[in-house]
Amino acid sequence: MTVLLNADVNGDGSTSLASTGIEYALISVYTEGDLTEHPWHQPPDRLLRCGWLAFGFRSSDVGGSPVDYWLPPIWFDYQTQLWLPEPSTNPGGSAFSLMIDQVRWHFQGAGTGNIYIVGP
């Protein structure tokens, strides 16, 4: 496995990744923004409106010019969160990797955290 990104981040940002595959991502929220909420009926590490990340792939398949295509956002639902592609293994039992080559994120307000992404 290869670490594709290990970055302390805040606000809005994006970066290209050295690979076109991802096996998992770890998100750690260090500081919550002012609009982040903790639902009263949930565990204390549960978050609402904290931020998100999204994976993308640049393709020239349609129209010949490079265009960024984005998957739906992965919401930061916990202070420490694991994300895996679904399914996380292929029929042969080895790790499934999602075809991506970039990532973008948003931390609400003054929120900060770490994004750690691993590829094959």
Protein backbone atom coordinates (compact mmCIF):
# COMPACT_ATOMS: atom_id res chain seq x y z
CA MET A 1 0.00 0.00 0.00
CA THR A 2 1.07 3.55 -0.75
CA VAL A 3 0.22 6.69 1.21
CA LEU A 4 -1.21 9.09 -1.38
CA LEU A 5 -2.00 11.98 0.96
CA ASN A 6 -1.26 12.72 4.60
CA ALA A 7 -2.11 16.37 5.14
CA ASP A 8 -3.34 18.68 7.87
CA VAL A 9 -5.95 20.83 6.14
CA ASN A 10 -8.55 23.53 6.76
CA GLY A 11 -11.13 25.48 4.78
CA ASP A 12 -11.54 24.55 1.12
CA GLY A 13 -8.85 22.81 -0.87
CA SER A 14 -7.97 20.19 -3.41
CA THR A 15 -4.98 18.26 -4.67
CA SER A 16 -4.01 15.81 -7.36
CA LEU A 17 -2.95 12.36 -6.25
CA ALA A 18 0.01 10.40 -7.61
CA SER A 19 -2.10 7.31 -8.24
CA THR A 20 -5.44 6.49 -9.81
CA GLY A 21 -6.54 4.09 -7.10
CA ILE A 22 -7.63 4.42 -3.50
CA GLU A 23 -8.17 1.65 -0.96
CA TYR A 24 -9.23 3.69 2.07
CA ALA A 25 -9.22 7.12 3.68
CA LEU A 26 -8.96 8.23 7.31
CA ILE A 27 -10.39 11.60 8.34
CA SER A 28 -9.54 13.16 11.71
CA VAL A 29 -11.28 16.36 12.81
CA TYR A 30 -9.00 18.46 15.04
CA THR A 31 -11.05 21.65 15.37
CA GLU A 32 -14.76 22.03 14.67
CA GLY A 33 -16.19 25.02 12.86
CA ASP A 34 -18.72 27.28 14.58
CA LEU A 35 -21.74 25.70 12.83
CA THR A 36 -20.74 22.11 13.61
CA GLU A 37 -23.29 20.39 15.84
CA HIS A 38 -23.35 17.34 18.11
CA PRO A 39 -26.77 15.68 17.95
CA TRP A 40 -28.13 15.26 21.47
CA HIS A 41 -29.24 11.66 20.89
CA GLN A 42 -25.91 10.46 19.42
CA PRO A 43 -22.44 9.57 20.80
CA PRO A 44 -20.29 12.64 21.63
CA ASP A 45 -17.96 12.09 18.65
CA ARG A 46 -20.88 12.30 16.17
CA LEU A 47 -20.83 15.47 14.03
CA LEU A 48 -23.21 17.40 11.79
CA ARG A 49 -22.24 20.17 9.34
CA CYS A 50 -18.52 19.74 9.95
CA GLY A 51 -17.28 19.24 6.40
CA TRP A 52 -16.79 16.82 3.55
CA LEU A 53 -14.36 15.42 1.02
CA ALA A 54 -14.94 14.20 -2.51
CA PHE A 55 -12.89 12.10 -4.89
CA GLY A 56 -12.60 12.91 -8.57
CA PHE A 57 -11.18 11.77 -11.84
CA ARG A 58 -9.97 13.95 -14.73
CA SER A 59 -11.06 12.60 -18.11
CA SER A 60 -10.92 13.74 -21.73
CA ASP A 61 -13.31 11.02 -22.89
CA VAL A 62 -16.22 13.39 -23.52
CA GLY A 63 -15.49 16.28 -25.88
CA GLY A 64 -11.70 15.82 -25.95
CA SER A 65 -10.91 18.47 -23.29
CA PRO A 66 -9.99 17.49 -19.72
CA VAL A 67 -12.93 17.72 -17.33
CA ASP A 68 -13.01 16.94 -13.60
CA TYR A 69 -15.73 14.44 -12.63
CA TRP A 70 -16.58 14.24 -8.91
CA LEU A 71 -18.15 11.51 -6.81
CA PRO A 72 -20.76 12.56 -4.21
CA PRO A 73 -19.28 14.05 -1.02
CA ILE A 74 -18.26 11.96 1.96
CA TRP A 75 -19.56 13.87 4.99
CA PHE A 76 -17.43 14.07 8.14
CA ASP A 77 -19.89 12.28 10.41
CA TYR A 78 -17.43 11.47 13.22
CA GLN A 79 -14.35 13.10 14.75
CA THR A 80 -12.33 10.12 13.47
CA GLN A 81 -13.78 8.41 10.43
CA LEU A 82 -12.82 5.52 8.13
CA TRP A 83 -13.98 5.49 4.52
CA LEU A 84 -13.79 2.44 2.23
CA PRO A 85 -14.98 1.93 -1.34
CA GLU A 86 -18.09 -0.21 -1.49
CA PRO A 87 -17.55 -3.09 -1.87
CA SER A 88 -14.15 -3.04 -0.14
CA THR A 89 -13.01 -6.35 -1.69
CA ASN A 90 -13.37 -7.74 -5.19
CA PRO A 91 -14.82 -11.22 -5.87
CA GLY A 92 -11.31 -12.72 -5.66
CA GLY A 93 -10.96 -11.45 -2.08
CA SER A 94 -8.26 -8.83 -2.67
CA ALA A 95 -8.68 -5.15 -1.84
CA PHE A 96 -10.92 -3.18 -4.22
CA SER A 97 -9.53 0.17 -5.34
CA LEU A 98 -11.57 3.10 -6.60
CA MET A 99 -10.37 4.88 -9.75
CA ILE A 100 -9.58 8.46 -8.73
CA ASP A 101 -6.73 10.90 -9.24
CA GLN A 102 -7.78 13.91 -7.16
CA VAL A 103 -9.48 14.90 -3.94
CA ARG A 104 -11.19 18.07 -2.71
CA TRP A 105 -12.40 18.98 0.78
CA HIS A 106 -14.31 21.51 2.80
CA PHE A 107 -14.02 22.17 6.53
CA GLN A 108 -16.79 24.46 7.76
CA GLY A 109 -15.78 27.73 9.41
CA ALA A 110 -12.48 27.51 11.28
CA GLY A 111 -12.52 23.70 11.21
CA THR A 112 -9.24 21.81 10.79
CA GLY A 113 -8.27 18.19 10.42
CA ASN A 114 -6.13 15.56 8.75
CA ILE A 115 -6.88 13.58 5.61
CA TYR A 116 -4.93 10.35 5.14
CA ILE A 117 -5.48 8.46 1.87
CA VAL A 118 -3.99 5.07 0.98
CA GLY A 119 -3.82 3.45 -2.47
CA PRO A 120 -2.64 0.12 -3.78
